[in-house]
N, C-alpha and C. Protein backbone atom coordinates (compact mmCIF):
# COMPACT_ATOMS: atom_id res chain seq x y z
N MET A 1 72.40 -39.27 328.60
CA MET A 1 73.13 -40.50 328.56
C MET A 1 73.27 -40.98 327.13
N MET A 2 74.40 -41.61 326.86
CA MET A 2 74.62 -42.14 325.52
C MET A 2 74.02 -43.54 325.44
N SER A 3 73.50 -43.86 324.30
CA SER A 3 72.92 -45.20 324.12
C SER A 3 74.03 -46.18 323.75
N SER A 4 73.71 -47.46 323.79
CA SER A 4 74.70 -48.49 323.48
C SER A 4 75.13 -48.41 322.02
N THR A 5 74.28 -47.90 321.14
CA THR A 5 74.64 -47.75 319.73
C THR A 5 75.74 -46.71 319.57
N SER A 6 75.66 -45.60 320.28
CA SER A 6 76.69 -44.56 320.16
C SER A 6 78.01 -45.04 320.79
N TYR A 7 77.96 -45.86 321.86
CA TYR A 7 79.18 -46.43 322.42
C TYR A 7 79.85 -47.35 321.40
N ALA A 8 79.08 -48.16 320.74
CA ALA A 8 79.62 -49.07 319.75
C ALA A 8 80.24 -48.31 318.58
N GLN A 9 79.60 -47.23 318.15
CA GLN A 9 80.15 -46.42 317.06
C GLN A 9 81.47 -45.78 317.49
N THR A 10 81.54 -45.31 318.73
CA THR A 10 82.76 -44.68 319.23
C THR A 10 83.90 -45.69 319.29
N VAL A 11 83.61 -46.89 319.79
CA VAL A 11 84.64 -47.92 319.89
C VAL A 11 85.11 -48.35 318.51
N LEU A 12 84.18 -48.52 317.57
CA LEU A 12 84.56 -48.91 316.21
C LEU A 12 85.39 -47.81 315.53
N ALA A 13 85.05 -46.56 315.76
CA ALA A 13 85.82 -45.46 315.19
C ALA A 13 87.24 -45.44 315.78
N LEU A 14 87.36 -45.69 317.08
CA LEU A 14 88.68 -45.74 317.72
C LEU A 14 89.51 -46.88 317.16
N ILE A 15 88.91 -48.05 316.98
CA ILE A 15 89.62 -49.20 316.40
C ILE A 15 90.05 -48.89 314.96
N ALA A 16 89.20 -48.22 314.20
CA ALA A 16 89.55 -47.87 312.82
C ALA A 16 90.73 -46.91 312.78
N VAL A 17 90.75 -45.92 313.67
CA VAL A 17 91.86 -44.96 313.71
C VAL A 17 93.15 -45.66 314.11
N LEU A 18 93.10 -46.53 315.11
CA LEU A 18 94.30 -47.26 315.52
C LEU A 18 94.81 -48.18 314.41
N ALA A 19 93.91 -48.83 313.70
CA ALA A 19 94.31 -49.68 312.58
C ALA A 19 94.95 -48.86 311.47
N LEU A 20 94.43 -47.66 311.23
CA LEU A 20 95.01 -46.78 310.21
C LEU A 20 96.42 -46.34 310.60
N ILE A 21 96.65 -46.06 311.89
CA ILE A 21 97.99 -45.67 312.35
C ILE A 21 98.97 -46.83 312.17
N VAL A 22 98.55 -48.04 312.53
CA VAL A 22 99.42 -49.20 312.38
C VAL A 22 99.72 -49.46 310.90
N ALA A 23 98.73 -49.32 310.05
CA ALA A 23 98.94 -49.53 308.61
C ALA A 23 99.91 -48.49 308.04
N CYS A 24 99.78 -47.24 308.45
CA CYS A 24 100.70 -46.19 307.97
C CYS A 24 102.13 -46.47 308.44
N ALA A 25 102.30 -46.90 309.68
CA ALA A 25 103.64 -47.22 310.18
C ALA A 25 104.25 -48.38 309.40
N TRP A 26 103.44 -49.39 309.08
CA TRP A 26 103.94 -50.53 308.31
C TRP A 26 104.38 -50.09 306.92
N VAL A 27 103.58 -49.25 306.27
CA VAL A 27 103.91 -48.77 304.92
C VAL A 27 105.19 -47.94 304.96
N LEU A 28 105.34 -47.06 305.94
CA LEU A 28 106.55 -46.25 306.04
C LEU A 28 107.78 -47.11 306.27
N ARG A 29 107.66 -48.14 307.07
CA ARG A 29 108.79 -49.01 307.31
C ARG A 29 109.19 -49.75 306.04
N ARG A 30 108.21 -50.18 305.26
CA ARG A 30 108.50 -50.87 304.00
C ARG A 30 109.15 -49.94 302.99
N VAL A 31 108.69 -48.70 302.91
CA VAL A 31 109.19 -47.75 301.93
C VAL A 31 110.59 -47.28 302.30
N GLN A 32 110.88 -47.08 303.57
CA GLN A 32 112.15 -46.51 304.00
C GLN A 32 113.23 -47.55 304.25
N ARG A 33 112.95 -48.81 304.05
CA ARG A 33 113.93 -49.87 304.28
C ARG A 33 115.08 -49.71 303.28
N PRO A 34 116.34 -49.70 303.76
CA PRO A 34 117.46 -49.56 302.83
C PRO A 34 117.54 -50.77 301.92
N GLN A 35 117.88 -50.50 300.69
CA GLN A 35 117.99 -51.56 299.70
C GLN A 35 119.41 -52.10 299.72
N GLY A 36 119.61 -53.23 300.39
CA GLY A 36 120.94 -53.84 300.48
C GLY A 36 121.08 -54.91 299.43
N GLY A 37 122.15 -55.65 299.54
CA GLY A 37 122.34 -56.77 298.63
C GLY A 37 123.54 -56.58 297.74
N ALA A 38 123.71 -57.48 296.81
CA ALA A 38 124.87 -57.46 295.93
C ALA A 38 124.82 -56.31 294.95
N SER A 39 123.64 -55.81 294.62
CA SER A 39 123.55 -54.77 293.62
C SER A 39 123.93 -53.39 294.18
N ASN A 40 123.98 -53.24 295.50
CA ASN A 40 124.30 -51.96 296.10
C ASN A 40 125.79 -51.88 296.38
N PRO A 41 126.56 -51.03 295.68
CA PRO A 41 128.01 -50.97 295.89
C PRO A 41 128.40 -50.17 297.13
N LEU A 42 127.46 -49.43 297.73
CA LEU A 42 127.75 -48.57 298.88
C LEU A 42 127.44 -49.32 300.17
N ARG A 43 128.41 -49.34 301.09
CA ARG A 43 128.22 -50.04 302.35
C ARG A 43 128.93 -49.31 303.48
N VAL A 44 128.25 -49.12 304.60
CA VAL A 44 128.86 -48.49 305.78
C VAL A 44 129.60 -49.58 306.54
N ARG A 45 130.91 -49.42 306.66
CA ARG A 45 131.74 -50.42 307.34
C ARG A 45 131.79 -50.21 308.84
N GLY A 46 131.67 -48.96 309.30
CA GLY A 46 131.71 -48.68 310.73
C GLY A 46 131.58 -47.20 310.98
N GLN A 47 131.31 -46.88 312.24
CA GLN A 47 131.22 -45.47 312.61
C GLN A 47 131.66 -45.31 314.05
N LEU A 48 132.13 -44.11 314.37
CA LEU A 48 132.63 -43.80 315.70
C LEU A 48 132.10 -42.43 316.10
N MET A 49 131.40 -42.36 317.23
CA MET A 49 130.90 -41.09 317.73
C MET A 49 132.06 -40.33 318.37
N VAL A 50 132.28 -39.10 317.94
CA VAL A 50 133.36 -38.29 318.50
C VAL A 50 132.82 -37.07 319.23
N GLY A 51 131.53 -36.90 319.25
CA GLY A 51 130.89 -35.79 319.95
C GLY A 51 129.41 -36.07 320.05
N ALA A 52 128.69 -35.07 320.56
CA ALA A 52 127.25 -35.24 320.73
C ALA A 52 126.55 -35.43 319.38
N ARG A 53 126.99 -34.69 318.37
CA ARG A 53 126.36 -34.78 317.05
C ARG A 53 127.38 -35.06 315.94
N GLU A 54 128.59 -35.36 316.31
CA GLU A 54 129.64 -35.60 315.32
C GLU A 54 130.06 -37.06 315.36
N ARG A 55 130.39 -37.60 314.18
CA ARG A 55 130.87 -38.96 314.10
C ARG A 55 131.77 -39.12 312.89
N ILE A 56 132.56 -40.16 312.91
CA ILE A 56 133.41 -40.53 311.79
C ILE A 56 132.83 -41.81 311.21
N VAL A 57 132.62 -41.83 309.90
CA VAL A 57 131.99 -42.97 309.24
C VAL A 57 132.93 -43.51 308.18
N LEU A 58 133.09 -44.83 308.15
CA LEU A 58 133.90 -45.51 307.13
C LEU A 58 132.94 -46.13 306.12
N VAL A 59 133.00 -45.65 304.88
CA VAL A 59 132.10 -46.08 303.82
C VAL A 59 132.90 -46.85 302.79
N GLU A 60 132.39 -48.01 302.39
CA GLU A 60 133.04 -48.81 301.35
C GLU A 60 132.27 -48.66 300.05
N ILE A 61 132.99 -48.26 299.00
CA ILE A 61 132.41 -48.15 297.67
C ILE A 61 133.32 -48.93 296.74
N GLY A 62 132.86 -50.08 296.31
CA GLY A 62 133.68 -50.91 295.43
C GLY A 62 134.96 -51.34 296.13
N ASP A 63 136.11 -50.95 295.56
CA ASP A 63 137.41 -51.29 296.14
C ASP A 63 138.03 -50.12 296.89
N THR A 64 137.22 -49.17 297.32
CA THR A 64 137.72 -47.98 298.00
C THR A 64 136.98 -47.78 299.30
N TRP A 65 137.72 -47.36 300.34
CA TRP A 65 137.12 -46.96 301.60
C TRP A 65 137.26 -45.45 301.71
N ILE A 66 136.18 -44.79 302.09
CA ILE A 66 136.19 -43.35 302.27
C ILE A 66 135.88 -43.06 303.73
N VAL A 67 136.77 -42.33 304.39
CA VAL A 67 136.57 -41.92 305.77
C VAL A 67 135.93 -40.54 305.74
N THR A 68 134.74 -40.42 306.33
CA THR A 68 134.03 -39.15 306.30
C THR A 68 133.76 -38.66 307.71
N GLY A 69 133.75 -37.36 307.87
CA GLY A 69 133.34 -36.73 309.11
C GLY A 69 131.92 -36.23 308.93
N VAL A 70 131.02 -36.63 309.82
CA VAL A 70 129.62 -36.27 309.70
C VAL A 70 129.23 -35.45 310.92
N ALA A 71 128.69 -34.26 310.67
CA ALA A 71 128.17 -33.40 311.73
C ALA A 71 126.78 -32.95 311.29
N SER A 72 126.12 -32.22 312.13
CA SER A 72 124.76 -31.80 311.78
C SER A 72 124.80 -30.89 310.55
N GLY A 73 124.23 -31.37 309.47
CA GLY A 73 124.16 -30.61 308.23
C GLY A 73 125.46 -30.55 307.45
N ASN A 74 126.46 -31.37 307.80
CA ASN A 74 127.75 -31.26 307.15
C ASN A 74 128.40 -32.65 307.05
N VAL A 75 128.86 -33.00 305.85
CA VAL A 75 129.60 -34.24 305.63
C VAL A 75 130.88 -33.88 304.89
N ARG A 76 132.03 -34.30 305.44
CA ARG A 76 133.31 -33.99 304.80
C ARG A 76 134.14 -35.25 304.64
N GLN A 77 134.80 -35.33 303.52
CA GLN A 77 135.72 -36.44 303.25
C GLN A 77 137.01 -36.18 304.01
N LEU A 78 137.43 -37.15 304.82
CA LEU A 78 138.67 -37.01 305.59
C LEU A 78 139.83 -37.75 304.93
N ALA A 79 139.55 -38.92 304.35
CA ALA A 79 140.61 -39.71 303.71
C ALA A 79 139.98 -40.71 302.76
N VAL A 80 140.77 -41.10 301.76
CA VAL A 80 140.38 -42.16 300.82
C VAL A 80 141.44 -43.24 300.93
N LEU A 81 141.01 -44.47 301.21
CA LEU A 81 141.93 -45.58 301.41
C LEU A 81 141.60 -46.72 300.46
N PRO A 82 142.59 -47.51 300.08
CA PRO A 82 142.27 -48.73 299.31
C PRO A 82 141.59 -49.73 300.24
N ARG A 83 140.74 -50.55 299.68
CA ARG A 83 140.00 -51.54 300.47
C ARG A 83 140.96 -52.53 301.07
N GLN A 84 140.77 -52.82 302.36
CA GLN A 84 141.61 -53.78 303.06
C GLN A 84 140.85 -55.07 303.22
N GLU A 85 141.53 -56.19 303.04
CA GLU A 85 140.88 -57.50 303.14
C GLU A 85 140.61 -57.87 304.58
N ASP A 86 141.53 -57.57 305.50
CA ASP A 86 141.39 -57.94 306.89
C ASP A 86 140.92 -56.73 307.68
N ASP A 87 139.88 -56.89 308.50
CA ASP A 87 139.37 -55.78 309.30
C ASP A 87 140.26 -55.48 310.50
N ALA A 88 141.09 -56.43 310.94
CA ALA A 88 141.94 -56.22 312.09
C ALA A 88 143.14 -55.36 311.69
N PRO A 89 143.66 -54.54 312.60
CA PRO A 89 144.84 -53.74 312.30
C PRO A 89 146.05 -54.62 312.01
N ALA A 90 146.98 -54.12 311.22
CA ALA A 90 148.14 -54.91 310.80
C ALA A 90 149.07 -55.21 311.97
N ASP A 91 149.11 -54.36 313.01
CA ASP A 91 150.03 -54.56 314.12
C ASP A 91 149.46 -55.44 315.22
N GLY A 92 148.29 -56.05 315.02
CA GLY A 92 147.73 -56.97 315.99
C GLY A 92 146.51 -56.38 316.67
N PRO A 93 145.93 -57.11 317.61
CA PRO A 93 144.74 -56.62 318.28
C PRO A 93 145.03 -55.41 319.15
N ALA A 94 144.00 -54.61 319.39
CA ALA A 94 144.16 -53.38 320.15
C ALA A 94 144.49 -53.67 321.61
N ASP A 95 144.08 -54.83 322.13
CA ASP A 95 144.33 -55.15 323.53
C ASP A 95 145.81 -55.41 323.79
N ALA A 96 146.58 -55.79 322.77
CA ALA A 96 148.00 -56.07 322.97
C ALA A 96 148.76 -54.79 323.30
N ALA A 97 148.31 -53.65 322.84
CA ALA A 97 149.02 -52.40 323.08
C ALA A 97 148.74 -51.84 324.47
N ARG A 98 147.66 -52.27 325.12
CA ARG A 98 147.32 -51.76 326.45
C ARG A 98 148.06 -52.52 327.52
N PRO A 99 148.69 -51.79 328.45
CA PRO A 99 149.37 -52.49 329.54
C PRO A 99 148.35 -52.99 330.56
N ASP A 100 148.76 -53.97 331.33
CA ASP A 100 147.91 -54.54 332.37
C ASP A 100 147.74 -53.52 333.49
N PHE A 101 146.52 -53.41 334.04
CA PHE A 101 146.24 -52.44 335.08
C PHE A 101 147.04 -52.74 336.35
N ARG A 102 147.21 -54.04 336.67
CA ARG A 102 148.01 -54.40 337.85
C ARG A 102 149.46 -53.95 337.68
N ALA A 103 149.98 -54.09 336.46
CA ALA A 103 151.36 -53.68 336.21
C ALA A 103 151.51 -52.18 336.38
N LEU A 104 150.53 -51.42 335.95
CA LEU A 104 150.58 -49.97 336.14
C LEU A 104 150.55 -49.60 337.62
N LEU A 105 149.68 -50.23 338.39
CA LEU A 105 149.64 -49.95 339.83
C LEU A 105 150.95 -50.34 340.52
N ALA A 106 151.53 -51.47 340.11
CA ALA A 106 152.79 -51.91 340.70
C ALA A 106 153.92 -50.92 340.39
N ARG A 107 153.88 -50.37 339.19
CA ARG A 107 154.91 -49.42 338.79
C ARG A 107 154.86 -48.14 339.63
N PHE A 108 153.66 -47.74 340.05
CA PHE A 108 153.51 -46.53 340.83
C PHE A 108 153.54 -46.78 342.32
N GLY A 109 153.90 -48.01 342.75
CA GLY A 109 154.11 -48.32 344.14
C GLY A 109 152.84 -48.63 344.92
N LYS A 110 151.74 -48.87 344.26
CA LYS A 110 150.51 -49.24 344.95
C LYS A 110 150.49 -50.76 345.12
N PRO A 111 150.03 -51.27 346.28
CA PRO A 111 150.02 -52.72 346.48
C PRO A 111 148.96 -53.42 345.67
């Protein structure tokens, strides 16, 4: 049988290990935090997933937007655009281009 002293040592050792894990996680989070702010000219404006591991990313650098294709182990520049002041498309909201679902059903003869 173990004595109460060995139980206490085991519990204290377990608490010390758990505290060490929490401290390491905190340090990693502090070190890996992206440095944002006015001094950083690079900013991700948006991204769109186009596959399981592929996406399109819009990056703003100064007065330029760069459209990049990102895949596993591969980043390619797709287009370079001048910076736009308004995030909305010039032709209006995207919902204006979509027809009403009821209108589509009516057109195909469904009640």
